[in-house]
Amino acid sequence: MTCPAIHLLVRDKTCINQFLGPPTKTKELGVTEIPEEMFMELLRDISDRYTERTYNVITNNCNNFTDEVAMLLIGEGIPRDIVDLPKMFMNTPLGQQMMPMLM
């Protein structure tokens, strides 16, 4: 049985209409056999790590959340190049200049 919540998030094209425009690429990660009830329990278990208080644009952001959820659901995270984008940016001259404002 596929988790309907994840199916909706991945398949519903209205979710793609983001503030910054549509994504430049998408990647299907896989299918889970985890039932929705168990998925919701998993979300509750990790929810304290992803709050307004714990958010950090470099080290604890939406990509980190998505990576952890994908790992729980399919046993594989999202592509490393996505998870590592903030760190890659921080290694650029502009990133170094912005670091004091972001940390």
C-alpha atoms as a PDB file:
ATOM      1  CA  MET A   1       0.000   0.000   0.000  1.00  0.00           C
ATOM      2  CA  THR A   2       1.389   3.381  -0.972  1.00  0.00           C
ATOM      3  CA  CYS A   3       1.197   6.181   1.571  1.00  0.00           C
ATOM      4  CA  PRO A   4      -1.486   8.600   0.256  1.00  0.00           C
ATOM      5  CA  ALA A   5       0.094  11.609   1.998  1.00  0.00           C
ATOM      6  CA  ILE A   6       3.395  11.169   0.189  1.00  0.00           C
ATOM      7  CA  HIS A   7       1.631  10.345  -3.057  1.00  0.00           C
ATOM      8  CA  LEU A   8      -0.273  13.624  -2.782  1.00  0.00           C
ATOM      9  CA  LEU A   9       2.837  15.642  -2.005  1.00  0.00           C
ATOM     10  CA  VAL A  10       4.787  14.158  -4.899  1.00  0.00           C
ATOM     11  CA  ARG A  11       2.068  13.806  -7.518  1.00  0.00           C
ATOM     12  CA  ASP A  12      -0.162  16.844  -6.953  1.00  0.00           C
ATOM     13  CA  LYS A  13       1.011  19.398  -9.508  1.00  0.00           C
ATOM     14  CA  THR A  14      -0.383  22.280  -7.419  1.00  0.00           C
ATOM     15  CA  CYS A  15       2.375  21.577  -4.871  1.00  0.00           C
ATOM     16  CA  ILE A  16       4.950  22.453  -7.528  1.00  0.00           C
ATOM     17  CA  ASN A  17       3.785  26.076  -7.840  1.00  0.00           C
ATOM     18  CA  GLN A  18       6.307  27.481  -5.388  1.00  0.00           C
ATOM     19  CA  PHE A  19       7.087  31.072  -4.434  1.00  0.00           C
ATOM     20  CA  LEU A  20      10.306  30.952  -6.475  1.00  0.00           C
ATOM     21  CA  GLY A  21       8.644  29.248  -9.436  1.00  0.00           C
ATOM     22  CA  PRO A  22       8.506  25.639 -10.500  1.00  0.00           C
ATOM     23  CA  PRO A  23      11.455  23.347  -9.779  1.00  0.00           C
ATOM     24  CA  THR A  24      14.119  23.069 -12.443  1.00  0.00           C
ATOM     25  CA  LYS A  25      14.159  19.298 -12.018  1.00  0.00           C
ATOM     26  CA  THR A  26      12.240  16.635 -10.153  1.00  0.00           C
ATOM     27  CA  LYS A  27      13.226  13.112  -9.189  1.00  0.00           C
ATOM     28  CA  GLU A  28      10.986  10.228  -8.274  1.00  0.00           C
ATOM     29  CA  LEU A  29      12.476   8.627  -5.172  1.00  0.00           C
ATOM     30  CA  GLY A  30      10.414   5.480  -4.917  1.00  0.00           C
ATOM     31  CA  VAL A  31       7.366   3.897  -3.357  1.00  0.00           C
ATOM     32  CA  THR A  32       6.790   3.091   0.284  1.00  0.00           C
ATOM     33  CA  GLU A  33       4.822   0.301   1.845  1.00  0.00           C
ATOM     34  CA  ILE A  34       4.494   2.227   5.116  1.00  0.00           C
ATOM     35  CA  PRO A  35       0.825   2.875   5.951  1.00  0.00           C
ATOM     36  CA  GLU A  36      -0.332   6.460   6.451  1.00  0.00           C
ATOM     37  CA  GLU A  37      -0.947   5.933  10.181  1.00  0.00           C
ATOM     38  CA  MET A  38       2.641   4.787  10.705  1.00  0.00           C
ATOM     39  CA  PHE A  39       3.899   7.652   8.529  1.00  0.00           C
ATOM     40  CA  MET A  40       2.066  10.152  10.729  1.00  0.00           C
ATOM     41  CA  GLU A  41       3.624   8.539  13.802  1.00  0.00           C
ATOM     42  CA  LEU A  42       7.075   8.833  12.229  1.00  0.00           C
ATOM     43  CA  LEU A  43       6.412  12.525  11.577  1.00  0.00           C
ATOM     44  CA  ARG A  44       5.416  13.044  15.196  1.00  0.00           C
ATOM     45  CA  ASP A  45       8.622  11.283  16.301  1.00  0.00           C
ATOM     46  CA  ILE A  46      10.853  13.671  14.340  1.00  0.00           C
ATOM     47  CA  SER A  47       8.738  16.834  14.658  1.00  0.00           C
ATOM     48  CA  ASP A  48      10.779  18.277  17.530  1.00  0.00           C
ATOM     49  CA  ARG A  49      13.833  18.447  15.220  1.00  0.00           C
ATOM     50  CA  TYR A  50      12.026  20.557  12.613  1.00  0.00           C
ATOM     51  CA  THR A  51      10.502  23.573  14.299  1.00  0.00           C
ATOM     52  CA  GLU A  52      10.845  27.330  13.971  1.00  0.00           C
ATOM     53  CA  ARG A  53      13.255  27.203  16.928  1.00  0.00           C
ATOM     54  CA  THR A  54      15.504  24.497  15.413  1.00  0.00           C
ATOM     55  CA  TYR A  55      15.433  25.777  11.812  1.00  0.00           C
ATOM     56  CA  ASN A  56      18.775  26.750  10.342  1.00  0.00           C
ATOM     57  CA  VAL A  57      19.030  27.681   6.670  1.00  0.00           C
ATOM     58  CA  ILE A  58      22.414  25.909   6.401  1.00  0.00           C
ATOM     59  CA  THR A  59      22.227  22.870   8.664  1.00  0.00           C
ATOM     60  CA  ASN A  60      18.553  22.118   9.416  1.00  0.00           C
ATOM     61  CA  ASN A  61      16.229  23.161   6.616  1.00  0.00           C
ATOM     62  CA  CYS A  62      13.431  21.729   4.464  1.00  0.00           C
ATOM     63  CA  ASN A  63      15.902  19.631   2.471  1.00  0.00           C
ATOM     64  CA  ASN A  64      17.170  18.007   5.669  1.00  0.00           C
ATOM     65  CA  PHE A  65      13.582  17.245   6.664  1.00  0.00           C
ATOM     66  CA  THR A  66      12.807  15.758   3.252  1.00  0.00           C
ATOM     67  CA  ASP A  67      16.010  13.713   3.351  1.00  0.00           C
ATOM     68  CA  GLU A  68      15.119  12.247   6.740  1.00  0.00           C
ATOM     69  CA  VAL A  69      11.532  11.484   5.741  1.00  0.00           C
ATOM     70  CA  ALA A  70      12.648   9.808   2.507  1.00  0.00           C
ATOM     71  CA  MET A  71      15.107   7.696   4.492  1.00  0.00           C
ATOM     72  CA  LEU A  72      12.312   6.606   6.837  1.00  0.00           C
ATOM     73  CA  LEU A  73       9.894   5.826   4.013  1.00  0.00           C
ATOM     74  CA  ILE A  74      12.058   4.223   1.358  1.00  0.00           C
ATOM     75  CA  GLY A  75      15.416   3.613   3.031  1.00  0.00           C
ATOM     76  CA  GLU A  76      17.187   6.158   0.836  1.00  0.00           C
ATOM     77  CA  GLY A  77      17.536   9.906   1.241  1.00  0.00           C
ATOM     78  CA  ILE A  78      17.230  12.609  -1.370  1.00  0.00           C
ATOM     79  CA  PRO A  79      20.195  13.282  -3.679  1.00  0.00           C
ATOM     80  CA  ARG A  80      23.259  14.528  -1.778  1.00  0.00           C
ATOM     81  CA  ASP A  81      23.698  17.471  -4.161  1.00  0.00           C
ATOM     82  CA  ILE A  82      20.365  18.837  -2.913  1.00  0.00           C
ATOM     83  CA  VAL A  83      21.099  18.261   0.776  1.00  0.00           C
ATOM     84  CA  ASP A  84      24.553  19.804   0.407  1.00  0.00           C
ATOM     85  CA  LEU A  85      23.460  22.930  -1.529  1.00  0.00           C
ATOM     86  CA  PRO A  86      23.596  25.268   1.492  1.00  0.00           C
ATOM     87  CA  LYS A  87      27.083  24.055   2.460  1.00  0.00           C
ATOM     88  CA  MET A  88      28.267  24.402  -1.140  1.00  0.00           C
ATOM     89  CA  PHE A  89      26.903  27.957  -1.229  1.00  0.00           C
ATOM     90  CA  MET A  90      28.594  28.806   2.060  1.00  0.00           C
ATOM     91  CA  ASN A  91      31.928  27.816   0.504  1.00  0.00           C
ATOM     92  CA  THR A  92      31.603  30.525  -2.156  1.00  0.00           C
ATOM     93  CA  PRO A  93      32.853  34.101  -1.653  1.00  0.00           C
ATOM     94  CA  LEU A  94      29.263  35.387  -1.499  1.00  0.00           C
ATOM     95  CA  GLY A  95      28.330  32.655   0.964  1.00  0.00           C
ATOM     96  CA  GLN A  96      31.252  33.603   3.184  1.00  0.00           C
ATOM     97  CA  GLN A  97      30.088  37.232   3.183  1.00  0.00           C
ATOM     98  CA  MET A  98      26.517  36.220   4.059  1.00  0.00           C
ATOM     99  CA  MET A  99      27.420  33.661   6.721  1.00  0.00           C
ATOM    100  CA  PRO A 100      27.257  36.093   9.692  1.00  0.00           C
ATOM    101  CA  MET A 101      23.691  37.054   8.691  1.00  0.00           C
ATOM    102  CA  LEU A 102      22.566  33.437   8.313  1.00  0.00           C
ATOM    103  CA  MET A 103      24.081  31.853  11.406  1.00  0.00           C
END
